[in-house]
Amino acid sequence: MSAGTARGARTPLTSFLLSSEGWPYLLVVFIPLAIALHAAGAPAGAVFVTSALGIVPTAALMGLATDELATRAG
């Protein structure tokens, strides 16, 4: 925590991640977790669920990229 930041105050990154647009990016941790579970020989159901949760931020990025492209290209 920096000296200028009050305790409990949200940084711009924290505010974004907790907003309605940023929450999917909190699920990024499930991507390497799914890989680790698969490598460790975990049950297929656990690997599937973690993989499905890891797809959410990827889909959010693809949606954002599509919107930006449509805005610029018309």
Protein backbone atom coordinates (compact mmCIF):
# COMPACT_ATOMS: atom_id res chain seq x y z
CA MET A 1 0.00 0.00 0.00
CA SER A 2 1.42 3.38 -0.90
CA ALA A 3 1.74 6.15 1.66
CA GLY A 4 -0.80 8.32 -0.19
CA THR A 5 -3.52 5.68 -0.28
CA ALA A 6 -5.94 5.67 2.62
CA ARG A 7 -6.65 2.33 4.23
CA GLY A 8 -9.73 0.78 2.66
CA ALA A 9 -9.68 3.12 -0.36
CA ARG A 10 -10.05 1.43 -3.73
CA THR A 11 -7.41 1.80 -6.39
CA PRO A 12 -8.53 2.23 -10.02
CA LEU A 13 -7.60 -1.42 -10.71
CA THR A 14 -9.58 -2.69 -7.73
CA SER A 15 -12.55 -0.55 -8.70
CA PHE A 16 -12.44 -1.93 -12.24
CA LEU A 17 -12.11 -5.57 -11.17
CA LEU A 18 -15.05 -5.25 -8.81
CA SER A 19 -17.23 -3.46 -11.38
CA SER A 20 -19.77 -5.13 -13.65
CA GLU A 21 -17.29 -4.97 -16.54
CA GLY A 22 -14.20 -6.20 -14.71
CA TRP A 23 -15.34 -9.14 -12.60
CA PRO A 24 -14.77 -11.78 -15.32
CA TYR A 25 -11.04 -11.06 -15.18
CA LEU A 26 -10.95 -12.30 -11.59
CA LEU A 27 -11.53 -15.79 -13.02
CA VAL A 28 -8.22 -15.79 -14.94
CA VAL A 29 -6.64 -17.80 -12.13
CA PHE A 30 -8.70 -20.80 -13.22
CA ILE A 31 -6.74 -21.15 -16.49
CA PRO A 32 -3.43 -22.28 -14.94
CA LEU A 33 -5.37 -24.11 -12.23
CA ALA A 34 -7.12 -26.23 -14.88
CA ILE A 35 -3.77 -27.01 -16.49
CA ALA A 36 -2.27 -27.99 -13.12
CA LEU A 37 -5.26 -30.18 -12.25
CA HIS A 38 -5.02 -31.94 -15.60
CA ALA A 39 -1.28 -32.50 -15.18
CA ALA A 40 -1.84 -33.83 -11.66
CA GLY A 41 -4.39 -36.37 -12.88
CA ALA A 42 -7.38 -34.82 -11.12
CA PRO A 43 -10.87 -36.12 -11.89
CA ALA A 44 -12.24 -35.05 -15.26
CA GLY A 45 -15.15 -33.19 -13.64
CA ALA A 46 -12.82 -30.94 -11.66
CA VAL A 47 -10.73 -30.19 -14.75
CA PHE A 48 -13.90 -29.45 -16.74
CA VAL A 49 -15.33 -27.03 -14.16
CA THR A 50 -12.06 -25.11 -13.76
CA SER A 51 -11.61 -24.98 -17.54
CA ALA A 52 -15.16 -23.68 -17.99
CA LEU A 53 -14.53 -20.95 -15.41
CA GLY A 54 -11.27 -20.08 -17.18
CA ILE A 55 -13.09 -19.55 -20.48
CA VAL A 56 -15.21 -16.72 -19.03
CA PRO A 57 -12.46 -14.04 -19.05
CA THR A 58 -11.36 -15.15 -22.51
CA ALA A 59 -14.92 -14.72 -23.80
CA ALA A 60 -15.13 -11.31 -22.11
CA LEU A 61 -11.94 -10.20 -23.90
CA MET A 62 -13.24 -11.47 -27.23
CA GLY A 63 -16.51 -9.57 -26.72
CA LEU A 64 -14.64 -6.38 -25.85
CA ALA A 65 -12.38 -6.78 -28.90
CA THR A 66 -15.39 -7.33 -31.15
CA ASP A 67 -17.10 -4.21 -29.79
CA GLU A 68 -13.96 -2.12 -30.29
CA LEU A 69 -13.50 -3.41 -33.81
CA ALA A 70 -17.13 -2.68 -34.68
CA THR A 71 -16.79 0.85 -33.26
CA ARG A 72 -13.69 1.58 -35.34
CA ALA A 73 -14.70 -0.21 -38.55
CA GLY A 74 -18.35 0.80 -38.51
